Amino acid sequence: MLTIVVPAYGRGRFTMRFLDHIRKLPFQPKVQIRDDRLPVREYFAKVRDLVHAVNTPYAMLCDNDDLPTPQLQWCMDFLQRN
């Protein structure tokens, strides 16, 4: 299982496109989205808190304008085998 942490900063259109893309993956990752407009120090503290809250074997940190590839399943399988 994979958790995708998305520390978004506005740009709702990108977030919606990201979520639509996630639904089309061959597996269903757990997604944590945090949309805060905070000063940089507080923003990264929130990102740290999100990462520490992950309870799946694998985690990925990406922006809401990134589109995860279906090959993520291959990557997780590789990590599991090695």
N, C-alpha and C. Protein backbone atom coordinates (compact mmCIF):
# COMPACT_ATOMS: atom_id res chain seq x y z
N MET A 1 0.84 -1.18 0.00
CA MET A 1 0.00 0.00 0.00
C MET A 1 0.88 1.24 0.00
N LEU A 2 0.42 2.26 -0.66
CA LEU A 2 1.17 3.50 -0.85
C LEU A 2 0.36 4.68 -0.35
N THR A 3 1.00 5.59 0.35
CA THR A 3 0.39 6.86 0.72
C THR A 3 1.05 7.94 -0.12
N ILE A 4 0.24 8.77 -0.75
CA ILE A 4 0.75 9.91 -1.49
C ILE A 4 0.42 11.16 -0.68
N VAL A 5 1.45 11.88 -0.29
CA VAL A 5 1.29 13.11 0.48
C VAL A 5 1.41 14.28 -0.49
N VAL A 6 0.38 15.12 -0.50
CA VAL A 6 0.35 16.25 -1.43
C VAL A 6 0.20 17.54 -0.63
N PRO A 7 1.28 18.24 -0.39
CA PRO A 7 1.18 19.52 0.29
C PRO A 7 0.85 20.62 -0.72
N ALA A 8 -0.40 20.78 -1.02
CA ALA A 8 -0.85 21.73 -2.04
C ALA A 8 -0.83 23.16 -1.50
N TYR A 9 -0.75 24.09 -2.40
CA TYR A 9 -0.82 25.49 -2.04
C TYR A 9 -1.71 26.18 -3.06
N GLY A 10 -3.02 26.07 -2.84
CA GLY A 10 -3.96 26.64 -3.79
C GLY A 10 -4.03 25.79 -5.05
N ARG A 11 -4.23 26.42 -6.18
CA ARG A 11 -4.28 25.77 -7.49
C ARG A 11 -5.25 24.59 -7.50
N GLY A 12 -6.50 24.88 -7.17
CA GLY A 12 -7.53 23.85 -7.10
C GLY A 12 -7.69 23.05 -8.37
N ARG A 13 -7.48 23.68 -9.51
CA ARG A 13 -7.61 22.97 -10.79
C ARG A 13 -6.59 21.83 -10.88
N PHE A 14 -5.36 22.09 -10.43
CA PHE A 14 -4.33 21.05 -10.43
C PHE A 14 -4.69 19.92 -9.46
N THR A 15 -5.22 20.30 -8.31
CA THR A 15 -5.60 19.28 -7.33
C THR A 15 -6.70 18.38 -7.88
N MET A 16 -7.69 18.96 -8.54
CA MET A 16 -8.77 18.16 -9.12
C MET A 16 -8.22 17.24 -10.22
N ARG A 17 -7.32 17.75 -11.06
CA ARG A 17 -6.72 16.93 -12.11
C ARG A 17 -5.91 15.80 -11.49
N PHE A 18 -5.17 16.09 -10.42
CA PHE A 18 -4.38 15.09 -9.72
C PHE A 18 -5.30 13.98 -9.19
N LEU A 19 -6.39 14.34 -8.52
CA LEU A 19 -7.31 13.34 -7.97
C LEU A 19 -7.96 12.51 -9.07
N ASP A 20 -8.30 13.14 -10.18
CA ASP A 20 -8.87 12.40 -11.31
C ASP A 20 -7.85 11.40 -11.85
N HIS A 21 -6.61 11.80 -11.92
CA HIS A 21 -5.55 10.91 -12.40
C HIS A 21 -5.35 9.73 -11.46
N ILE A 22 -5.36 9.99 -10.16
CA ILE A 22 -5.18 8.94 -9.15
C ILE A 22 -6.24 7.85 -9.30
N ARG A 23 -7.47 8.25 -9.59
CA ARG A 23 -8.56 7.27 -9.74
C ARG A 23 -8.32 6.29 -10.89
N LYS A 24 -7.50 6.68 -11.85
CA LYS A 24 -7.24 5.84 -13.02
C LYS A 24 -6.04 4.91 -12.85
N LEU A 25 -5.36 5.00 -11.71
CA LEU A 25 -4.21 4.11 -11.48
C LEU A 25 -4.70 2.67 -11.27
N PRO A 26 -3.86 1.68 -11.57
CA PRO A 26 -4.26 0.28 -11.41
C PRO A 26 -4.33 -0.17 -9.95
N PHE A 27 -4.04 0.71 -9.02
CA PHE A 27 -4.15 0.43 -7.59
C PHE A 27 -4.68 1.71 -6.95
N GLN A 28 -5.18 1.61 -5.75
CA GLN A 28 -5.74 2.78 -5.09
C GLN A 28 -4.87 3.19 -3.90
N PRO A 29 -4.04 4.21 -4.07
CA PRO A 29 -3.21 4.67 -2.96
C PRO A 29 -4.05 5.47 -1.97
N LYS A 30 -3.53 5.59 -0.78
CA LYS A 30 -4.10 6.47 0.21
C LYS A 30 -3.55 7.86 -0.10
N VAL A 31 -4.39 8.88 -0.10
CA VAL A 31 -3.95 10.22 -0.47
C VAL A 31 -4.21 11.17 0.69
N GLN A 32 -3.20 11.94 1.05
CA GLN A 32 -3.34 12.98 2.07
C GLN A 32 -3.03 14.31 1.41
N ILE A 33 -4.02 15.19 1.34
CA ILE A 33 -3.82 16.51 0.74
C ILE A 33 -3.98 17.56 1.83
N ARG A 34 -3.04 18.45 1.87
CA ARG A 34 -3.10 19.54 2.83
C ARG A 34 -2.92 20.83 2.06
N ASP A 35 -3.93 21.69 2.06
CA ASP A 35 -3.86 22.96 1.33
C ASP A 35 -3.80 24.09 2.35
N ASP A 36 -2.60 24.55 2.61
CA ASP A 36 -2.39 25.62 3.58
C ASP A 36 -1.63 26.77 2.93
N ARG A 37 -2.00 27.94 3.29
CA ARG A 37 -1.24 29.12 2.88
C ARG A 37 -0.58 29.66 4.12
N LEU A 38 0.54 29.06 4.42
CA LEU A 38 1.27 29.37 5.64
C LEU A 38 2.65 29.93 5.31
N PRO A 39 3.26 30.60 6.26
CA PRO A 39 4.68 30.96 6.08
C PRO A 39 5.50 29.69 5.88
N VAL A 40 6.63 29.82 5.22
CA VAL A 40 7.43 28.67 4.81
C VAL A 40 7.75 27.74 5.97
N ARG A 41 8.17 28.24 7.08
CA ARG A 41 8.55 27.40 8.22
C ARG A 41 7.37 26.57 8.70
N GLU A 42 6.20 27.20 8.81
CA GLU A 42 5.00 26.48 9.27
C GLU A 42 4.53 25.49 8.21
N TYR A 43 4.67 25.87 6.95
CA TYR A 43 4.28 24.98 5.85
C TYR A 43 5.07 23.67 5.92
N PHE A 44 6.39 23.77 6.06
CA PHE A 44 7.20 22.56 6.11
C PHE A 44 6.99 21.77 7.39
N ALA A 45 6.60 22.43 8.46
CA ALA A 45 6.23 21.71 9.68
C ALA A 45 4.98 20.88 9.43
N LYS A 46 4.01 21.42 8.68
CA LYS A 46 2.80 20.67 8.34
C LYS A 46 3.14 19.48 7.44
N VAL A 47 4.03 19.70 6.48
CA VAL A 47 4.46 18.60 5.61
C VAL A 47 5.12 17.51 6.45
N ARG A 48 5.98 17.89 7.37
CA ARG A 48 6.62 16.93 8.26
C ARG A 48 5.57 16.13 9.04
N ASP A 49 4.56 16.82 9.55
CA ASP A 49 3.50 16.14 10.30
C ASP A 49 2.74 15.15 9.42
N LEU A 50 2.48 15.53 8.17
CA LEU A 50 1.80 14.61 7.25
C LEU A 50 2.64 13.37 6.99
N VAL A 51 3.92 13.57 6.77
CA VAL A 51 4.81 12.43 6.49
C VAL A 51 4.91 11.53 7.72
N HIS A 52 4.98 12.10 8.89
CA HIS A 52 5.06 11.29 10.11
C HIS A 52 3.76 10.52 10.37
N ALA A 53 2.65 10.98 9.82
CA ALA A 53 1.36 10.31 10.02
C ALA A 53 1.14 9.14 9.06
N VAL A 54 2.04 8.94 8.11
CA VAL A 54 1.90 7.85 7.15
C VAL A 54 1.97 6.51 7.87
N ASN A 55 1.02 5.63 7.55
CA ASN A 55 1.01 4.31 8.19
C ASN A 55 0.95 3.19 7.15
N THR A 56 1.49 3.45 5.98
CA THR A 56 1.59 2.43 4.94
C THR A 56 3.06 2.11 4.72
N PRO A 57 3.37 0.95 4.11
CA PRO A 57 4.78 0.60 3.91
C PRO A 57 5.54 1.57 3.01
N TYR A 58 4.84 2.22 2.09
CA TYR A 58 5.50 3.11 1.14
C TYR A 58 4.80 4.46 1.14
N ALA A 59 5.58 5.51 0.90
CA ALA A 59 5.03 6.87 0.84
C ALA A 59 5.71 7.62 -0.29
N MET A 60 4.97 8.56 -0.81
CA MET A 60 5.47 9.39 -1.90
C MET A 60 5.04 10.82 -1.61
N LEU A 61 5.93 11.75 -1.76
CA LEU A 61 5.64 13.16 -1.57
C LEU A 61 5.66 13.81 -2.95
N CYS A 62 4.56 14.43 -3.33
CA CYS A 62 4.54 15.09 -4.63
C CYS A 62 3.65 16.33 -4.58
N ASP A 63 3.79 17.15 -5.58
CA ASP A 63 3.00 18.36 -5.69
C ASP A 63 1.71 18.05 -6.44
N ASN A 64 0.74 18.95 -6.36
CA ASN A 64 -0.53 18.67 -7.02
C ASN A 64 -0.47 18.85 -8.53
N ASP A 65 0.63 19.33 -9.07
CA ASP A 65 0.76 19.38 -10.53
C ASP A 65 1.60 18.22 -11.06
N ASP A 66 1.99 17.29 -10.19
CA ASP A 66 2.65 16.05 -10.61
C ASP A 66 1.58 14.99 -10.85
N LEU A 67 1.83 14.10 -11.78
CA LEU A 67 0.89 13.01 -12.06
C LEU A 67 1.62 11.68 -11.87
N PRO A 68 1.33 10.96 -10.79
CA PRO A 68 1.99 9.67 -10.55
C PRO A 68 1.74 8.69 -11.69
N THR A 69 2.74 7.93 -12.00
CA THR A 69 2.69 6.98 -13.09
C THR A 69 2.16 5.62 -12.63
N PRO A 70 1.48 4.88 -13.49
CA PRO A 70 1.03 3.53 -13.13
C PRO A 70 2.20 2.60 -12.78
N GLN A 71 3.41 2.94 -13.20
CA GLN A 71 4.58 2.11 -12.89
C GLN A 71 4.94 2.14 -11.40
N LEU A 72 4.24 2.95 -10.63
CA LEU A 72 4.48 2.95 -9.18
C LEU A 72 4.26 1.57 -8.58
N GLN A 73 3.32 0.83 -9.12
CA GLN A 73 3.09 -0.53 -8.62
C GLN A 73 4.33 -1.38 -8.86
N TRP A 74 4.94 -1.25 -10.04
CA TRP A 74 6.17 -1.98 -10.33
C TRP A 74 7.25 -1.58 -9.34
N CYS A 75 7.35 -0.28 -9.04
CA CYS A 75 8.36 0.20 -8.09
C CYS A 75 8.14 -0.38 -6.70
N MET A 76 6.89 -0.42 -6.25
CA MET A 76 6.62 -1.00 -4.93
C MET A 76 6.93 -2.49 -4.92
N ASP A 77 6.60 -3.18 -6.01
CA ASP A 77 6.92 -4.62 -6.09
C ASP A 77 8.44 -4.84 -6.04
N PHE A 78 9.17 -4.00 -6.74
CA PHE A 78 10.63 -4.09 -6.73
C PHE A 78 11.19 -3.90 -5.32
N LEU A 79 10.69 -2.86 -4.64
CA LEU A 79 11.15 -2.61 -3.27
C LEU A 79 10.82 -3.78 -2.35
N GLN A 80 9.67 -4.36 -2.55
CA GLN A 80 9.27 -5.50 -1.72
C GLN A 80 10.20 -6.71 -1.94
N ARG A 81 10.56 -6.94 -3.19
CA ARG A 81 11.43 -8.08 -3.51
C ARG A 81 12.88 -7.85 -3.07
N ASN A 82 13.30 -6.61 -3.01
CA ASN A 82 14.71 -6.32 -2.74
C ASN A 82 14.89 -5.62 -1.43
